Amino acid sequence: MLEAAPQDRDRVTLDIDASVVHAKKKTARRTCRGKRGYAPMIGRIAETGQVVKSGLHKGSVPPAA
């Protein structure tokens, strides 16, 4: 992760966030808001906004899982 950071930094802040994305696919699960969708978890370097890791969770999976 530090390889993707600006050269003048020896530390970066990892910002991990989950979002709810609504989808009309039949395989999508119901989210906490009752609509079908997914809950992608995205890890970014806060200082640059670069995405370093992402994962797609079913809508029924809580962000803490």
PDB file of N, CA and C in Angstrom:
ATOM      1  N   MET A   1       0.831  -1.184   0.000  1.00  0.00           N
ATOM      2  CA  MET A   1       0.000   0.000   0.000  1.00  0.00           C
ATOM      3  C   MET A   1       0.872   1.242   0.000  1.00  0.00           C
ATOM      4  N   LEU A   2       1.966   1.230   0.708  1.00  0.00           N
ATOM      5  CA  LEU A   2       2.833   2.402   0.735  1.00  0.00           C
ATOM      6  C   LEU A   2       3.452   2.692  -0.623  1.00  0.00           C
ATOM      7  N   GLU A   3       3.571   1.686  -1.476  1.00  0.00           N
ATOM      8  CA  GLU A   3       4.110   1.914  -2.821  1.00  0.00           C
ATOM      9  C   GLU A   3       3.188   2.822  -3.633  1.00  0.00           C
ATOM     10  N   ALA A   4       1.896   2.793  -3.350  1.00  0.00           N
ATOM     11  CA  ALA A   4       0.935   3.633  -4.065  1.00  0.00           C
ATOM     12  C   ALA A   4       0.828   5.034  -3.473  1.00  0.00           C
ATOM     13  N   ALA A   5       1.404   5.246  -2.300  1.00  0.00           N
ATOM     14  CA  ALA A   5       1.327   6.536  -1.612  1.00  0.00           C
ATOM     15  C   ALA A   5       2.331   7.521  -2.204  1.00  0.00           C
ATOM     16  N   PRO A   6       2.101   8.811  -1.988  1.00  0.00           N
ATOM     17  CA  PRO A   6       3.091   9.801  -2.425  1.00  0.00           C
ATOM     18  C   PRO A   6       4.462   9.500  -1.822  1.00  0.00           C
ATOM     19  N   GLN A   7       5.515   9.785  -2.561  1.00  0.00           N
ATOM     20  CA  GLN A   7       6.878   9.420  -2.165  1.00  0.00           C
ATOM     21  C   GLN A   7       7.337  10.079  -0.872  1.00  0.00           C
ATOM     22  N   ASP A   8       6.785  11.215  -0.502  1.00  0.00           N
ATOM     23  CA  ASP A   8       7.249  11.921   0.683  1.00  0.00           C
ATOM     24  C   ASP A   8       6.580  11.446   1.976  1.00  0.00           C
ATOM     25  N   ARG A   9       5.806  10.366   1.917  1.00  0.00           N
ATOM     26  CA  ARG A   9       5.097   9.870   3.107  1.00  0.00           C
ATOM     27  C   ARG A   9       5.619   8.501   3.522  1.00  0.00           C
ATOM     28  N   ASP A  10       5.770   8.318   4.823  1.00  0.00           N
ATOM     29  CA  ASP A  10       6.102   6.990   5.323  1.00  0.00           C
ATOM     30  C   ASP A  10       4.892   6.340   5.985  1.00  0.00           C
ATOM     31  N   ARG A  11       3.773   7.106   6.079  1.00  0.00           N
ATOM     32  CA  ARG A  11       2.515   6.583   6.609  1.00  0.00           C
ATOM     33  C   ARG A  11       1.364   7.135   5.781  1.00  0.00           C
ATOM     34  N   VAL A  12       0.307   6.356   5.697  1.00  0.00           N
ATOM     35  CA  VAL A  12      -0.912   6.804   5.032  1.00  0.00           C
ATOM     36  C   VAL A  12      -2.106   6.380   5.880  1.00  0.00           C
ATOM     37  N   THR A  13      -3.247   6.989   5.603  1.00  0.00           N
ATOM     38  CA  THR A  13      -4.484   6.651   6.291  1.00  0.00           C
ATOM     39  C   THR A  13      -5.310   5.759   5.382  1.00  0.00           C
ATOM     40  N   LEU A  14      -5.687   4.579   5.869  1.00  0.00           N
ATOM     41  CA  LEU A  14      -6.534   3.674   5.106  1.00  0.00           C
ATOM     42  C   LEU A  14      -7.982   3.960   5.484  1.00  0.00           C
ATOM     43  N   ASP A  15      -8.763   4.395   4.514  1.00  0.00           N
ATOM     44  CA  ASP A  15     -10.166   4.726   4.706  1.00  0.00           C
ATOM     45  C   ASP A  15     -11.001   3.579   4.159  1.00  0.00           C
ATOM     46  N   ILE A  16     -11.718   2.891   5.048  1.00  0.00           N
ATOM     47  CA  ILE A  16     -12.539   1.744   4.655  1.00  0.00           C
ATOM     48  C   ILE A  16     -13.998   2.143   4.799  1.00  0.00           C
ATOM     49  N   ASP A  17     -14.768   1.955   3.732  1.00  0.00           N
ATOM     50  CA  ASP A  17     -16.149   2.401   3.736  1.00  0.00           C
ATOM     51  C   ASP A  17     -17.026   1.402   2.994  1.00  0.00           C
ATOM     52  N   ALA A  18     -18.234   1.231   3.492  1.00  0.00           N
ATOM     53  CA  ALA A  18     -19.230   0.383   2.825  1.00  0.00           C
ATOM     54  C   ALA A  18     -20.338   1.273   2.288  1.00  0.00           C
ATOM     55  N   SER A  19     -20.855   0.926   1.139  1.00  0.00           N
ATOM     56  CA  SER A  19     -21.952   1.662   0.529  1.00  0.00           C
ATOM     57  C   SER A  19     -23.037   0.677   0.142  1.00  0.00           C
ATOM     58  N   VAL A  20     -24.240   1.187  -0.043  1.00  0.00           N
ATOM     59  CA  VAL A  20     -25.332   0.346  -0.533  1.00  0.00           C
ATOM     60  C   VAL A  20     -25.597   0.741  -1.974  1.00  0.00           C
ATOM     61  N   VAL A  21     -25.547  -0.247  -2.870  1.00  0.00           N
ATOM     62  CA  VAL A  21     -25.817  -0.018  -4.289  1.00  0.00           C
ATOM     63  C   VAL A  21     -27.054  -0.821  -4.655  1.00  0.00           C
ATOM     64  N   HIS A  22     -28.079  -0.157  -5.105  1.00  0.00           N
ATOM     65  CA  HIS A  22     -29.320  -0.839  -5.451  1.00  0.00           C
ATOM     66  C   HIS A  22     -29.180  -1.499  -6.815  1.00  0.00           C
ATOM     67  N   ALA A  23     -29.760  -2.693  -6.947  1.00  0.00           N
ATOM     68  CA  ALA A  23     -29.692  -3.457  -8.196  1.00  0.00           C
ATOM     69  C   ALA A  23     -31.019  -4.180  -8.415  1.00  0.00           C
ATOM     70  N   LYS A  24     -31.368  -4.355  -9.661  1.00  0.00           N
ATOM     71  CA  LYS A  24     -32.615  -5.033  -9.994  1.00  0.00           C
ATOM     72  C   LYS A  24     -32.417  -6.508 -10.321  1.00  0.00           C
ATOM     73  N   LYS A  25     -31.195  -7.002 -10.163  1.00  0.00           N
ATOM     74  CA  LYS A  25     -30.927  -8.411 -10.462  1.00  0.00           C
ATOM     75  C   LYS A  25     -31.685  -9.312  -9.491  1.00  0.00           C
ATOM     76  N   LYS A  26     -32.171 -10.429  -9.988  1.00  0.00           N
ATOM     77  CA  LYS A  26     -32.896 -11.363  -9.127  1.00  0.00           C
ATOM     78  C   LYS A  26     -31.994 -11.996  -8.074  1.00  0.00           C
ATOM     79  N   THR A  27     -30.692 -12.063  -8.342  1.00  0.00           N
ATOM     80  CA  THR A  27     -29.764 -12.672  -7.383  1.00  0.00           C
ATOM     81  C   THR A  27     -29.363 -11.710  -6.267  1.00  0.00           C
ATOM     82  N   ALA A  28     -29.691 -10.424  -6.397  1.00  0.00           N
ATOM     83  CA  ALA A  28     -29.357  -9.447  -5.352  1.00  0.00           C
ATOM     84  C   ALA A  28     -30.245  -9.682  -4.134  1.00  0.00           C
ATOM     85  N   ARG A  29     -29.658  -9.526  -2.964  1.00  0.00           N
ATOM     86  CA  ARG A  29     -30.399  -9.692  -1.705  1.00  0.00           C
ATOM     87  C   ARG A  29     -30.963  -8.358  -1.240  1.00  0.00           C
ATOM     88  N   ARG A  30     -31.910  -8.437  -0.336  1.00  0.00           N
ATOM     89  CA  ARG A  30     -32.499  -7.211   0.217  1.00  0.00           C
ATOM     90  C   ARG A  30     -31.498  -6.538   1.157  1.00  0.00           C
ATOM     91  N   THR A  31     -31.382  -5.229   1.025  1.00  0.00           N
ATOM     92  CA  THR A  31     -30.469  -4.466   1.876  1.00  0.00           C
ATOM     93  C   THR A  31     -31.179  -4.086   3.169  1.00  0.00           C
ATOM     94  N   CYS A  32     -30.466  -3.376   4.029  1.00  0.00           N
ATOM     95  CA  CYS A  32     -31.058  -2.922   5.290  1.00  0.00           C
ATOM     96  C   CYS A  32     -32.197  -1.936   5.043  1.00  0.00           C
ATOM     97  N   ARG A  33     -32.240  -1.366   3.854  1.00  0.00           N
ATOM     98  CA  ARG A  33     -33.296  -0.419   3.501  1.00  0.00           C
ATOM     99  C   ARG A  33     -34.467  -1.087   2.787  1.00  0.00           C
ATOM    100  N   GLY A  34     -34.408  -2.420   2.661  1.00  0.00           N
ATOM    101  CA  GLY A  34     -35.508  -3.171   2.092  1.00  0.00           C
ATOM    102  C   GLY A  34     -35.511  -3.321   0.582  1.00  0.00           C
ATOM    103  N   LYS A  35     -34.551  -2.706  -0.110  1.00  0.00           N
ATOM    104  CA  LYS A  35     -34.467  -2.834  -1.567  1.00  0.00           C
ATOM    105  C   LYS A  35     -33.367  -3.820  -1.924  1.00  0.00           C
ATOM    106  N   ARG A  36     -33.454  -4.409  -3.111  1.00  0.00           N
ATOM    107  CA  ARG A  36     -32.420  -5.343  -3.557  1.00  0.00           C
ATOM    108  C   ARG A  36     -31.148  -4.586  -3.910  1.00  0.00           C
ATOM    109  N   GLY A  37     -30.008  -5.201  -3.587  1.00  0.00           N
ATOM    110  CA  GLY A  37     -28.753  -4.552  -3.936  1.00  0.00           C
ATOM    111  C   GLY A  37     -27.541  -5.264  -3.373  1.00  0.00           C
ATOM    112  N   TYR A  38     -26.434  -4.539  -3.383  1.00  0.00           N
ATOM    113  CA  TYR A  38     -25.147  -5.057  -2.915  1.00  0.00           C
ATOM    114  C   TYR A  38     -24.523  -4.037  -1.970  1.00  0.00           C
ATOM    115  N   ALA A  39     -23.536  -4.473  -1.213  1.00  0.00           N
ATOM    116  CA  ALA A  39     -22.854  -3.600  -0.264  1.00  0.00           C
ATOM    117  C   ALA A  39     -21.347  -3.688  -0.486  1.00  0.00           C
ATOM    118  N   PRO A  40     -20.812  -2.966  -1.475  1.00  0.00           N
ATOM    119  CA  PRO A  40     -19.372  -3.033  -1.707  1.00  0.00           C
ATOM    120  C   PRO A  40     -18.589  -2.393  -0.560  1.00  0.00           C
ATOM    121  N   MET A  41     -17.492  -3.029  -0.193  1.00  0.00           N
ATOM    122  CA  MET A  41     -16.575  -2.496   0.816  1.00  0.00           C
ATOM    123  C   MET A  41     -15.348  -2.024   0.048  1.00  0.00           C
ATOM    124  N   ILE A  42     -14.979  -0.771   0.250  1.00  0.00           N
ATOM    125  CA  ILE A  42     -13.877  -0.180  -0.513  1.00  0.00           C
ATOM    126  C   ILE A  42     -12.827   0.369   0.437  1.00  0.00           C
ATOM    127  N   GLY A  43     -11.561   0.002   0.202  1.00  0.00           N
ATOM    128  CA  GLY A  43     -10.436   0.519   0.972  1.00  0.00           C
ATOM    129  C   GLY A  43      -9.643   1.492   0.113  1.00  0.00           C
ATOM    130  N   ARG A  44      -9.492   2.742   0.589  1.00  0.00           N
ATOM    131  CA  ARG A  44      -8.795   3.769  -0.169  1.00  0.00           C
ATOM    132  C   ARG A  44      -7.693   4.403   0.669  1.00  0.00           C
ATOM    133  N   ILE A  45      -6.680   4.941   0.012  1.00  0.00           N
ATOM    134  CA  ILE A  45      -5.690   5.770   0.684  1.00  0.00           C
ATOM    135  C   ILE A  45      -6.319   7.152   0.789  1.00  0.00           C
ATOM    136  N   ALA A  46      -6.561   7.622   2.015  1.00  0.00           N
ATOM    137  CA  ALA A  46      -7.293   8.873   2.227  1.00  0.00           C
ATOM    138  C   ALA A  46      -6.585  10.077   1.610  1.00  0.00           C
ATOM    139  N   GLU A  47      -5.279  10.095   1.653  1.00  0.00           N
ATOM    140  CA  GLU A  47      -4.532  11.253   1.161  1.00  0.00           C
ATOM    141  C   GLU A  47      -4.594  11.406  -0.363  1.00  0.00           C
ATOM    142  N   THR A  48      -4.760  10.315  -1.086  1.00  0.00           N
ATOM    143  CA  THR A  48      -4.736  10.378  -2.553  1.00  0.00           C
ATOM    144  C   THR A  48      -6.045   9.938  -3.205  1.00  0.00           C
ATOM    145  N   GLY A  49      -6.899   9.223  -2.467  1.00  0.00           N
ATOM    146  CA  GLY A  49      -8.145   8.709  -3.034  1.00  0.00           C
ATOM    147  C   GLY A  49      -7.979   7.431  -3.823  1.00  0.00           C
ATOM    148  N   GLN A  50      -6.769   6.887  -3.883  1.00  0.00           N
ATOM    149  CA  GLN A  50      -6.527   5.661  -4.649  1.00  0.00           C
ATOM    150  C   GLN A  50      -7.187   4.464  -3.966  1.00  0.00           C
ATOM    151  N   VAL A  51      -7.865   3.637  -4.752  1.00  0.00           N
ATOM    152  CA  VAL A  51      -8.475   2.412  -4.238  1.00  0.00           C
ATOM    153  C   VAL A  51      -7.395   1.336  -4.166  1.00  0.00           C
ATOM    154  N   VAL A  52      -7.243   0.709  -2.987  1.00  0.00           N
ATOM    155  CA  VAL A  52      -6.241  -0.338  -2.831  1.00  0.00           C
ATOM    156  C   VAL A  52      -6.866  -1.718  -2.709  1.00  0.00           C
ATOM    157  N   LYS A  53      -8.153  -1.774  -2.361  1.00  0.00           N
ATOM    158  CA  LYS A  53      -8.828  -3.065  -2.225  1.00  0.00           C
ATOM    159  C   LYS A  53     -10.328  -2.826  -2.244  1.00  0.00           C
ATOM    160  N   SER A  54     -11.060  -3.744  -2.837  1.00  0.00           N
ATOM    161  CA  SER A  54     -12.517  -3.663  -2.807  1.00  0.00           C
ATOM    162  C   SER A  54     -13.089  -5.070  -2.770  1.00  0.00           C
ATOM    163  N   GLY A  55     -14.280  -5.174  -2.263  1.00  0.00           N
ATOM    164  CA  GLY A  55     -14.958  -6.453  -2.203  1.00  0.00           C
ATOM    165  C   GLY A  55     -16.448  -6.238  -2.330  1.00  0.00           C
ATOM    166  N   LEU A  56     -17.135  -7.131  -3.021  1.00  0.00           N
ATOM    167  CA  LEU A  56     -18.567  -7.011  -3.222  1.00  0.00           C
ATOM    168  C   LEU A  56     -19.301  -7.970  -2.296  1.00  0.00           C
ATOM    169  N   HIS A  57     -20.122  -7.421  -1.424  1.00  0.00           N
ATOM    170  CA  HIS A  57     -20.912  -8.231  -0.492  1.00  0.00           C
ATOM    171  C   HIS A  57     -22.371  -8.203  -0.932  1.00  0.00           C
ATOM    172  N   LYS A  58     -23.077  -9.235  -0.586  1.00  0.00           N
ATOM    173  CA  LYS A  58     -24.524  -9.255  -0.820  1.00  0.00           C
ATOM    174  C   LYS A  58     -25.152  -8.154   0.023  1.00  0.00           C
ATOM    175  N   GLY A  59     -26.273  -7.640  -0.422  1.00  0.00           N
ATOM    176  CA  GLY A  59     -26.938  -6.548   0.282  1.00  0.00           C
ATOM    177  C   GLY A  59     -27.330  -6.870   1.709  1.00  0.00           C
ATOM    178  N   SER A  60     -27.521  -8.144   2.026  1.00  0.00           N
ATOM    179  CA  SER A  60     -27.955  -8.531   3.362  1.00  0.00           C
ATOM    180  C   SER A  60     -26.789  -8.689   4.341  1.00  0.00           C
ATOM    181  N   VAL A  61     -25.550  -8.499   3.877  1.00  0.00           N
ATOM    182  CA  VAL A  61     -24.376  -8.649   4.743  1.00  0.00           C
ATOM    183  C   VAL A  61     -24.087  -7.320   5.422  1.00  0.00           C
ATOM    184  N   PRO A  62     -24.025  -7.278   6.764  1.00  0.00           N
ATOM    185  CA  PRO A  62     -23.735  -6.012   7.446  1.00  0.00           C
ATOM    186  C   PRO A  62     -22.289  -5.583   7.193  1.00  0.00           C
ATOM    187  N   PRO A  63     -22.005  -4.275   7.176  1.00  0.00           N
ATOM    188  CA  PRO A  63     -20.655  -3.788   6.896  1.00  0.00           C
ATOM    189  C   PRO A  63     -19.581  -4.322   7.836  1.00  0.00           C
ATOM    190  N   ALA A  64     -19.928  -4.628   9.053  1.00  0.00           N
ATOM    191  CA  ALA A  64     -18.934  -5.116  10.025  1.00  0.00           C
ATOM    192  C   ALA A  64     -18.505  -6.559   9.768  1.00  0.00           C
ATOM    193  N   ALA A  65     -19.210  -7.264   8.886  1.00  0.00           N
ATOM    194  CA  ALA A  65     -18.906  -8.685   8.654  1.00  0.00           C
ATOM    195  C   ALA A  65     -17.624  -8.876   7.894  1.00  0.00           C
TER     196      ALA A  65
END
